Amino acid sequence: MTKSKKYEWDYCTHAPEKLFGVYIGLCCREHDLNYCVADKTPISQREADKLLKEMIQHEFIINNKSILGWFVSHIYFYAVRLFGKFYYKKW
């Protein structure tokens, strides 16, 4: 992981943590935690990915950018659906 300017780690691996002035790094952090503790909790990869989408949408809504949030959250959702299988339960 690389260091972020605002926080110690870059949780949105291979993707920006801040888009259109909205910081979503903590959403990615939660998603990372859901992936790495998957053996200890009953959360599926799909559920972790859906939670990421919802958290990103929430961050954009509270920043009055809900339409952008819908697009960004869906892009991140489909990206983690496609590439997340390489990371789920492997950390």
PDB file of N, CA and C in Angstrom:
ATOM      1  N   MET A   1       0.837  -1.188   0.000  1.00  0.00           N
ATOM      2  CA  MET A   1       0.000   0.000   0.000  1.00  0.00           C
ATOM      3  C   MET A   1       0.878   1.246   0.000  1.00  0.00           C
ATOM      4  N   THR A   2       0.366   2.278  -0.567  1.00  0.00           N
ATOM      5  CA  THR A   2       1.102   3.528  -0.606  1.00  0.00           C
ATOM      6  C   THR A   2       0.512   4.504   0.397  1.00  0.00           C
ATOM      7  N   LYS A   3       1.322   5.451   0.800  1.00  0.00           N
ATOM      8  CA  LYS A   3       0.843   6.429   1.774  1.00  0.00           C
ATOM      9  C   LYS A   3      -0.035   7.479   1.117  1.00  0.00           C
ATOM     10  N   SER A   4      -1.106   7.815   1.797  1.00  0.00           N
ATOM     11  CA  SER A   4      -2.025   8.844   1.351  1.00  0.00           C
ATOM     12  C   SER A   4      -1.649  10.159   2.026  1.00  0.00           C
ATOM     13  N   LYS A   5      -1.997  11.283   1.415  1.00  0.00           N
ATOM     14  CA  LYS A   5      -1.702  12.569   2.028  1.00  0.00           C
ATOM     15  C   LYS A   5      -2.561  12.816   3.258  1.00  0.00           C
ATOM     16  N   LYS A   6      -3.817  12.383   3.226  1.00  0.00           N
ATOM     17  CA  LYS A   6      -4.723  12.654   4.331  1.00  0.00           C
ATOM     18  C   LYS A   6      -4.644  11.581   5.412  1.00  0.00           C
ATOM     19  N   TYR A   7      -4.462  10.340   5.029  1.00  0.00           N
ATOM     20  CA  TYR A   7      -4.417   9.234   5.972  1.00  0.00           C
ATOM     21  C   TYR A   7      -3.145   8.440   5.731  1.00  0.00           C
ATOM     22  N   GLU A   8      -2.842   7.539   6.643  1.00  0.00           N
ATOM     23  CA  GLU A   8      -1.579   6.817   6.580  1.00  0.00           C
ATOM     24  C   GLU A   8      -1.492   5.867   5.383  1.00  0.00           C
ATOM     25  N   TRP A   9      -2.582   5.211   5.024  1.00  0.00           N
ATOM     26  CA  TRP A   9      -2.534   4.216   3.956  1.00  0.00           C
ATOM     27  C   TRP A   9      -3.491   4.557   2.829  1.00  0.00           C
ATOM     28  N   ASP A  10      -3.178   4.022   1.668  1.00  0.00           N
ATOM     29  CA  ASP A  10      -4.044   4.149   0.498  1.00  0.00           C
ATOM     30  C   ASP A  10      -4.892   2.887   0.438  1.00  0.00           C
ATOM     31  N   TYR A  11      -6.138   2.974   0.854  1.00  0.00           N
ATOM     32  CA  TYR A  11      -6.999   1.807   0.909  1.00  0.00           C
ATOM     33  C   TYR A  11      -7.675   1.499  -0.422  1.00  0.00           C
ATOM     34  N   CYS A  12      -7.824   2.477  -1.277  1.00  0.00           N
ATOM     35  CA  CYS A  12      -8.447   2.255  -2.586  1.00  0.00           C
ATOM     36  C   CYS A  12      -7.368   1.843  -3.568  1.00  0.00           C
ATOM     37  N   THR A  13      -6.905   0.638  -3.430  1.00  0.00           N
ATOM     38  CA  THR A  13      -5.813   0.118  -4.237  1.00  0.00           C
ATOM     39  C   THR A  13      -6.101   0.305  -5.724  1.00  0.00           C
ATOM     40  N   HIS A  14      -5.180   0.909  -6.423  1.00  0.00           N
ATOM     41  CA  HIS A  14      -5.262   1.137  -7.867  1.00  0.00           C
ATOM     42  C   HIS A  14      -6.403   2.072  -8.276  1.00  0.00           C
ATOM     43  N   ALA A  15      -6.940   2.834  -7.336  1.00  0.00           N
ATOM     44  CA  ALA A  15      -8.042   3.758  -7.651  1.00  0.00           C
ATOM     45  C   ALA A  15      -7.920   4.996  -6.760  1.00  0.00           C
ATOM     46  N   PRO A  16      -8.442   6.115  -7.199  1.00  0.00           N
ATOM     47  CA  PRO A  16      -8.367   7.339  -6.387  1.00  0.00           C
ATOM     48  C   PRO A  16      -9.198   7.230  -5.111  1.00  0.00           C
ATOM     49  N   GLU A  17      -8.699   7.831  -4.052  1.00  0.00           N
ATOM     50  CA  GLU A  17      -9.432   7.876  -2.789  1.00  0.00           C
ATOM     51  C   GLU A  17     -10.295   9.127  -2.684  1.00  0.00           C
ATOM     52  N   LYS A  18     -10.033  10.090  -3.534  1.00  0.00           N
ATOM     53  CA  LYS A  18     -10.806  11.328  -3.509  1.00  0.00           C
ATOM     54  C   LYS A  18     -11.234  11.657  -4.927  1.00  0.00           C
ATOM     55  N   LEU A  19     -12.538  11.775  -5.112  1.00  0.00           N
ATOM     56  CA  LEU A  19     -13.107  12.081  -6.423  1.00  0.00           C
ATOM     57  C   LEU A  19     -14.108  13.209  -6.285  1.00  0.00           C
ATOM     58  N   PHE A  20     -13.983  14.207  -7.142  1.00  0.00           N
ATOM     59  CA  PHE A  20     -14.915  15.337  -7.144  1.00  0.00           C
ATOM     60  C   PHE A  20     -15.023  15.991  -5.764  1.00  0.00           C
ATOM     61  N   GLY A  21     -13.903  15.990  -5.028  1.00  0.00           N
ATOM     62  CA  GLY A  21     -13.865  16.610  -3.717  1.00  0.00           C
ATOM     63  C   GLY A  21     -14.429  15.769  -2.590  1.00  0.00           C
ATOM     64  N   VAL A  22     -14.745  14.519  -2.863  1.00  0.00           N
ATOM     65  CA  VAL A  22     -15.314  13.630  -1.838  1.00  0.00           C
ATOM     66  C   VAL A  22     -14.293  12.539  -1.522  1.00  0.00           C
ATOM     67  N   TYR A  23     -13.915  12.431  -0.239  1.00  0.00           N
ATOM     68  CA  TYR A  23     -12.959  11.422   0.200  1.00  0.00           C
ATOM     69  C   TYR A  23     -13.697  10.116   0.483  1.00  0.00           C
ATOM     70  N   ILE A  24     -13.295   9.041  -0.198  1.00  0.00           N
ATOM     71  CA  ILE A  24     -13.941   7.743  -0.004  1.00  0.00           C
ATOM     72  C   ILE A  24     -12.966   6.691   0.519  1.00  0.00           C
ATOM     73  N   GLY A  25     -11.794   7.126   0.939  1.00  0.00           N
ATOM     74  CA  GLY A  25     -10.775   6.196   1.425  1.00  0.00           C
ATOM     75  C   GLY A  25     -11.235   5.351   2.591  1.00  0.00           C
ATOM     76  N   LEU A  26     -12.041   5.918   3.470  1.00  0.00           N
ATOM     77  CA  LEU A  26     -12.508   5.143   4.620  1.00  0.00           C
ATOM     78  C   LEU A  26     -13.526   4.086   4.203  1.00  0.00           C
ATOM     79  N   CYS A  27     -14.231   4.330   3.118  1.00  0.00           N
ATOM     80  CA  CYS A  27     -15.137   3.309   2.570  1.00  0.00           C
ATOM     81  C   CYS A  27     -14.306   2.124   2.076  1.00  0.00           C
ATOM     82  N   CYS A  28     -13.219   2.433   1.392  1.00  0.00           N
ATOM     83  CA  CYS A  28     -12.332   1.383   0.897  1.00  0.00           C
ATOM     84  C   CYS A  28     -11.658   0.650   2.051  1.00  0.00           C
ATOM     85  N   ARG A  29     -11.348   1.366   3.112  1.00  0.00           N
ATOM     86  CA  ARG A  29     -10.750   0.735   4.293  1.00  0.00           C
ATOM     87  C   ARG A  29     -11.709  -0.299   4.870  1.00  0.00           C
ATOM     88  N   GLU A  30     -12.962   0.073   5.024  1.00  0.00           N
ATOM     89  CA  GLU A  30     -13.971  -0.854   5.545  1.00  0.00           C
ATOM     90  C   GLU A  30     -14.105  -2.062   4.613  1.00  0.00           C
ATOM     91  N   HIS A  31     -14.073  -1.815   3.321  1.00  0.00           N
ATOM     92  CA  HIS A  31     -14.148  -2.897   2.342  1.00  0.00           C
ATOM     93  C   HIS A  31     -12.950  -3.834   2.476  1.00  0.00           C
ATOM     94  N   ASP A  32     -11.769  -3.271   2.651  1.00  0.00           N
ATOM     95  CA  ASP A  32     -10.575  -4.088   2.862  1.00  0.00           C
ATOM     96  C   ASP A  32     -10.722  -4.956   4.113  1.00  0.00           C
ATOM     97  N   LEU A  33     -11.240  -4.367   5.171  1.00  0.00           N
ATOM     98  CA  LEU A  33     -11.428  -5.127   6.414  1.00  0.00           C
ATOM     99  C   LEU A  33     -12.430  -6.253   6.211  1.00  0.00           C
ATOM    100  N   ASN A  34     -13.500  -5.983   5.483  1.00  0.00           N
ATOM    101  CA  ASN A  34     -14.482  -7.038   5.207  1.00  0.00           C
ATOM    102  C   ASN A  34     -13.860  -8.172   4.403  1.00  0.00           C
ATOM    103  N   TYR A  35     -12.960  -7.852   3.510  1.00  0.00           N
ATOM    104  CA  TYR A  35     -12.292  -8.876   2.721  1.00  0.00           C
ATOM    105  C   TYR A  35     -11.314  -9.689   3.568  1.00  0.00           C
ATOM    106  N   CYS A  36     -10.563  -9.022   4.425  1.00  0.00           N
ATOM    107  CA  CYS A  36      -9.500  -9.743   5.131  1.00  0.00           C
ATOM    108  C   CYS A  36     -10.018 -10.531   6.325  1.00  0.00           C
ATOM    109  N   VAL A  37     -11.182 -10.204   6.855  1.00  0.00           N
ATOM    110  CA  VAL A  37     -11.732 -10.970   7.973  1.00  0.00           C
ATOM    111  C   VAL A  37     -12.867 -11.876   7.514  1.00  0.00           C
ATOM    112  N   ALA A  38     -12.944 -12.128   6.230  1.00  0.00           N
ATOM    113  CA  ALA A  38     -14.036 -12.927   5.676  1.00  0.00           C
ATOM    114  C   ALA A  38     -14.079 -14.333   6.260  1.00  0.00           C
ATOM    115  N   ASP A  39     -12.921 -14.862   6.650  1.00  0.00           N
ATOM    116  CA  ASP A  39     -12.910 -16.201   7.250  1.00  0.00           C
ATOM    117  C   ASP A  39     -13.522 -16.203   8.647  1.00  0.00           C
ATOM    118  N   LYS A  40     -13.566 -15.033   9.286  1.00  0.00           N
ATOM    119  CA  LYS A  40     -14.044 -14.941  10.666  1.00  0.00           C
ATOM    120  C   LYS A  40     -15.462 -14.403  10.775  1.00  0.00           C
ATOM    121  N   THR A  41     -15.983 -13.854   9.689  1.00  0.00           N
ATOM    122  CA  THR A  41     -17.337 -13.307   9.710  1.00  0.00           C
ATOM    123  C   THR A  41     -18.136 -13.887   8.548  1.00  0.00           C
ATOM    124  N   PRO A  42     -19.431 -13.924   8.689  1.00  0.00           N
ATOM    125  CA  PRO A  42     -20.256 -14.516   7.626  1.00  0.00           C
ATOM    126  C   PRO A  42     -20.580 -13.540   6.500  1.00  0.00           C
ATOM    127  N   ILE A  43     -19.599 -12.803   6.040  1.00  0.00           N
ATOM    128  CA  ILE A  43     -19.859 -11.841   4.975  1.00  0.00           C
ATOM    129  C   ILE A  43     -19.268 -12.363   3.672  1.00  0.00           C
ATOM    130  N   SER A  44     -20.091 -12.379   2.659  1.00  0.00           N
ATOM    131  CA  SER A  44     -19.639 -12.852   1.356  1.00  0.00           C
ATOM    132  C   SER A  44     -18.929 -11.722   0.610  1.00  0.00           C
ATOM    133  N   GLN A  45     -18.238 -12.093  -0.444  1.00  0.00           N
ATOM    134  CA  GLN A  45     -17.576 -11.081  -1.252  1.00  0.00           C
ATOM    135  C   GLN A  45     -18.609 -10.137  -1.848  1.00  0.00           C
ATOM    136  N   ARG A  46     -19.706 -10.672  -2.332  1.00  0.00           N
ATOM    137  CA  ARG A  46     -20.749  -9.840  -2.944  1.00  0.00           C
ATOM    138  C   ARG A  46     -21.324  -8.860  -1.919  1.00  0.00           C
ATOM    139  N   GLU A  47     -21.566  -9.330  -0.700  1.00  0.00           N
ATOM    140  CA  GLU A  47     -22.105  -8.441   0.335  1.00  0.00           C
ATOM    141  C   GLU A  47     -21.098  -7.349   0.692  1.00  0.00           C
ATOM    142  N   ALA A  48     -19.819  -7.695   0.780  1.00  0.00           N
ATOM    143  CA  ALA A  48     -18.787  -6.688   1.055  1.00  0.00           C
ATOM    144  C   ALA A  48     -18.749  -5.650  -0.057  1.00  0.00           C
ATOM    145  N   ASP A  49     -18.897  -6.103  -1.296  1.00  0.00           N
ATOM    146  CA  ASP A  49     -18.875  -5.188  -2.433  1.00  0.00           C
ATOM    147  C   ASP A  49     -20.112  -4.290  -2.447  1.00  0.00           C
ATOM    148  N   LYS A  50     -21.264  -4.850  -2.089  1.00  0.00           N
ATOM    149  CA  LYS A  50     -22.489  -4.043  -2.010  1.00  0.00           C
ATOM    150  C   LYS A  50     -22.377  -2.984  -0.918  1.00  0.00           C
ATOM    151  N   LEU A  51     -21.770  -3.357   0.211  1.00  0.00           N
ATOM    152  CA  LEU A  51     -21.571  -2.392   1.295  1.00  0.00           C
ATOM    153  C   LEU A  51     -20.658  -1.253   0.849  1.00  0.00           C
ATOM    154  N   LEU A  52     -19.629  -1.576   0.081  1.00  0.00           N
ATOM    155  CA  LEU A  52     -18.743  -0.536  -0.443  1.00  0.00           C
ATOM    156  C   LEU A  52     -19.537   0.433  -1.303  1.00  0.00           C
ATOM    157  N   LYS A  53     -20.361  -0.089  -2.188  1.00  0.00           N
ATOM    158  CA  LYS A  53     -21.173   0.751  -3.067  1.00  0.00           C
ATOM    159  C   LYS A  53     -22.075   1.673  -2.239  1.00  0.00           C
ATOM    160  N   GLU A  54     -22.714   1.120  -1.217  1.00  0.00           N
ATOM    161  CA  GLU A  54     -23.606   1.914  -0.375  1.00  0.00           C
ATOM    162  C   GLU A  54     -22.860   2.982   0.407  1.00  0.00           C
ATOM    163  N   MET A  55     -21.675   2.642   0.917  1.00  0.00           N
ATOM    164  CA  MET A  55     -20.891   3.618   1.679  1.00  0.00           C
ATOM    165  C   MET A  55     -20.416   4.761   0.787  1.00  0.00           C
ATOM    166  N   ILE A  56     -19.994   4.436  -0.427  1.00  0.00           N
ATOM    167  CA  ILE A  56     -19.560   5.482  -1.357  1.00  0.00           C
ATOM    168  C   ILE A  56     -20.738   6.392  -1.699  1.00  0.00           C
ATOM    169  N   GLN A  57     -21.890   5.807  -1.974  1.00  0.00           N
ATOM    170  CA  GLN A  57     -23.076   6.615  -2.270  1.00  0.00           C
ATOM    171  C   GLN A  57     -23.395   7.537  -1.106  1.00  0.00           C
ATOM    172  N   HIS A  58     -23.286   7.027   0.109  1.00  0.00           N
ATOM    173  CA  HIS A  58     -23.565   7.825   1.304  1.00  0.00           C
ATOM    174  C   HIS A  58     -22.618   9.019   1.400  1.00  0.00           C
ATOM    175  N   GLU A  59     -21.332   8.790   1.157  1.00  0.00           N
ATOM    176  CA  GLU A  59     -20.361   9.887   1.225  1.00  0.00           C
ATOM    177  C   GLU A  59     -20.689  10.985   0.216  1.00  0.00           C
ATOM    178  N   PHE A  60     -21.095  10.604  -0.961  1.00  0.00           N
ATOM    179  CA  PHE A  60     -21.465  11.596  -1.966  1.00  0.00           C
ATOM    180  C   PHE A  60     -22.771  12.303  -1.603  1.00  0.00           C
ATOM    181  N   ILE A  61     -23.722  11.579  -1.044  1.00  0.00           N
ATOM    182  CA  ILE A  61     -24.994  12.194  -0.641  1.00  0.00           C
ATOM    183  C   ILE A  61     -24.759  13.260   0.419  1.00  0.00           C
ATOM    184  N   ILE A  62     -23.935  12.955   1.430  1.00  0.00           N
ATOM    185  CA  ILE A  62     -23.715  13.946   2.483  1.00  0.00           C
ATOM    186  C   ILE A  62     -22.893  15.134   1.988  1.00  0.00           C
ATOM    187  N   ASN A  63     -22.283  14.984   0.822  1.00  0.00           N
ATOM    188  CA  ASN A  63     -21.560  16.097   0.195  1.00  0.00           C
ATOM    189  C   ASN A  63     -22.373  16.739  -0.928  1.00  0.00           C
ATOM    190  N   ASN A  64     -23.670  16.464  -0.951  1.00  0.00           N
ATOM    191  CA  ASN A  64     -24.600  17.040  -1.934  1.00  0.00           C
ATOM    192  C   ASN A  64     -24.201  16.761  -3.380  1.00  0.00           C
ATOM    193  N   LYS A  65     -23.711  15.553  -3.625  1.00  0.00           N
ATOM    194  CA  LYS A  65     -23.316  15.149  -4.981  1.00  0.00           C
ATOM    195  C   LYS A  65     -23.856  13.749  -5.270  1.00  0.00           C
ATOM    196  N   SER A  66     -25.150  13.563  -5.040  1.00  0.00           N
ATOM    197  CA  SER A  66     -25.726  12.223  -5.110  1.00  0.00           C
ATOM    198  C   SER A  66     -25.692  11.609  -6.507  1.00  0.00           C
ATOM    199  N   ILE A  67     -25.867  12.409  -7.549  1.00  0.00           N
ATOM    200  CA  ILE A  67     -25.848  11.844  -8.902  1.00  0.00           C
ATOM    201  C   ILE A  67     -24.446  11.343  -9.249  1.00  0.00           C
ATOM    202  N   LEU A  68     -23.436  12.144  -8.943  1.00  0.00           N
ATOM    203  CA  LEU A  68     -22.052  11.692  -9.155  1.00  0.00           C
ATOM    204  C   LEU A  68     -21.764  10.441  -8.327  1.00  0.00           C
ATOM    205  N   GLY A  69     -22.287  10.429  -7.104  1.00  0.00           N
ATOM    206  CA  GLY A  69     -22.089   9.289  -6.210  1.00  0.00           C
ATOM    207  C   GLY A  69     -22.649   8.007  -6.768  1.00  0.00           C
ATOM    208  N   TRP A  70     -23.792   8.114  -7.448  1.00  0.00           N
ATOM    209  CA  TRP A  70     -24.383   6.922  -8.044  1.00  0.00           C
ATOM    210  C   TRP A  70     -23.421   6.340  -9.083  1.00  0.00           C
ATOM    211  N   PHE A  71     -22.884   7.190  -9.951  1.00  0.00           N
ATOM    212  CA  PHE A  71     -21.970   6.713 -10.985  1.00  0.00           C
ATOM    213  C   PHE A  71     -20.674   6.167 -10.394  1.00  0.00           C
ATOM    214  N   VAL A  72     -20.085   6.925  -9.481  1.00  0.00           N
ATOM    215  CA  VAL A  72     -18.815   6.499  -8.881  1.00  0.00           C
ATOM    216  C   VAL A  72     -18.989   5.182  -8.131  1.00  0.00           C
ATOM    217  N   SER A  73     -20.046   5.069  -7.343  1.00  0.00           N
ATOM    218  CA  SER A  73     -20.251   3.852  -6.547  1.00  0.00           C
ATOM    219  C   SER A  73     -20.442   2.632  -7.437  1.00  0.00           C
ATOM    220  N   HIS A  74     -21.127   2.800  -8.553  1.00  0.00           N
ATOM    221  CA  HIS A  74     -21.319   1.672  -9.457  1.00  0.00           C
ATOM    222  C   HIS A  74     -20.029   1.299 -10.185  1.00  0.00           C
ATOM    223  N   ILE A  75     -19.220   2.267 -10.525  1.00  0.00           N
ATOM    224  CA  ILE A  75     -17.929   1.966 -11.150  1.00  0.00           C
ATOM    225  C   ILE A  75     -17.046   1.181 -10.181  1.00  0.00           C
ATOM    226  N   TYR A  76     -16.974   1.643  -8.937  1.00  0.00           N
ATOM    227  CA  TYR A  76     -16.170   0.933  -7.934  1.00  0.00           C
ATOM    228  C   TYR A  76     -16.748  -0.451  -7.666  1.00  0.00           C
ATOM    229  N   PHE A  77     -18.073  -0.557  -7.604  1.00  0.00           N
ATOM    230  CA  PHE A  77     -18.722  -1.844  -7.349  1.00  0.00           C
ATOM    231  C   PHE A  77     -18.340  -2.861  -8.432  1.00  0.00           C
ATOM    232  N   TYR A  78     -18.477  -2.468  -9.685  1.00  0.00           N
ATOM    233  CA  TYR A  78     -18.169  -3.417 -10.755  1.00  0.00           C
ATOM    234  C   TYR A  78     -16.670  -3.713 -10.842  1.00  0.00           C
ATOM    235  N   ALA A  79     -15.846  -2.758 -10.481  1.00  0.00           N
ATOM    236  CA  ALA A  79     -14.401  -2.997 -10.474  1.00  0.00           C
ATOM    237  C   ALA A  79     -14.032  -4.029  -9.406  1.00  0.00           C
ATOM    238  N   VAL A  80     -14.597  -3.889  -8.213  1.00  0.00           N
ATOM    239  CA  VAL A  80     -14.268  -4.867  -7.162  1.00  0.00           C
ATOM    240  C   VAL A  80     -14.931  -6.213  -7.426  1.00  0.00           C
ATOM    241  N   ARG A  81     -16.063  -6.212  -8.107  1.00  0.00           N
ATOM    242  CA  ARG A  81     -16.682  -7.493  -8.491  1.00  0.00           C
ATOM    243  C   ARG A  81     -15.766  -8.222  -9.471  1.00  0.00           C
ATOM    244  N   LEU A  82     -15.153  -7.464 -10.360  1.00  0.00           N
ATOM    245  CA  LEU A  82     -14.305  -8.067 -11.385  1.00  0.00           C
ATOM    246  C   LEU A  82     -12.938  -8.468 -10.839  1.00  0.00           C
ATOM    247  N   PHE A  83     -12.311  -7.583 -10.069  1.00  0.00           N
ATOM    248  CA  PHE A  83     -10.938  -7.831  -9.629  1.00  0.00           C
ATOM    249  C   PHE A  83     -10.812  -8.268  -8.170  1.00  0.00           C
ATOM    250  N   GLY A  84     -11.878  -8.129  -7.383  1.00  0.00           N
ATOM    251  CA  GLY A  84     -11.815  -8.456  -5.967  1.00  0.00           C
ATOM    252  C   GLY A  84     -11.568  -9.917  -5.671  1.00  0.00           C
ATOM    253  N   LYS A  85     -11.924 -10.790  -6.600  1.00  0.00           N
ATOM    254  CA  LYS A  85     -11.743 -12.225  -6.361  1.00  0.00           C
ATOM    255  C   LYS A  85     -10.279 -12.583  -6.120  1.00  0.00           C
ATOM    256  N   PHE A  86      -9.371 -11.728  -6.584  1.00  0.00           N
ATOM    257  CA  PHE A  86      -7.953 -11.996  -6.368  1.00  0.00           C
ATOM    258  C   PHE A  86      -7.502 -11.648  -4.944  1.00  0.00           C
ATOM    259  N   TYR A  87      -8.327 -10.894  -4.226  1.00  0.00           N
ATOM    260  CA  TYR A  87      -7.965 -10.438  -2.884  1.00  0.00           C
ATOM    261  C   TYR A  87      -8.831 -11.011  -1.778  1.00  0.00           C
ATOM    262  N   TYR A  88     -10.043 -11.404  -2.071  1.00  0.00           N
ATOM    263  CA  TYR A  88     -10.986 -11.876  -1.062  1.00  0.00           C
ATOM    264  C   TYR A  88     -10.424 -13.101  -0.332  1.00  0.00           C
ATOM    265  N   LYS A  89     -10.381 -13.024   0.989  1.00  0.00           N
ATOM    266  CA  LYS A  89      -9.902 -14.081   1.886  1.00  0.00           C
ATOM    267  C   LYS A  89      -8.424 -14.423   1.712  1.00  0.00           C
ATOM    268  N   LYS A  90      -7.661 -13.546   1.084  1.00  0.00           N
ATOM    269  CA  LYS A  90      -6.251 -13.884   0.851  1.00  0.00           C
ATOM    270  C   LYS A  90      -5.283 -12.995   1.626  1.00  0.00           C
ATOM    271  N   TRP A  91      -5.791 -12.107   2.448  1.00  0.00           N
ATOM    272  CA  TRP A  91      -4.881 -11.216   3.160  1.00  0.00           C
ATOM    273  C   TRP A  91      -4.495 -11.797   4.465  1.00  0.00           C
TER     274      TRP A  91
END
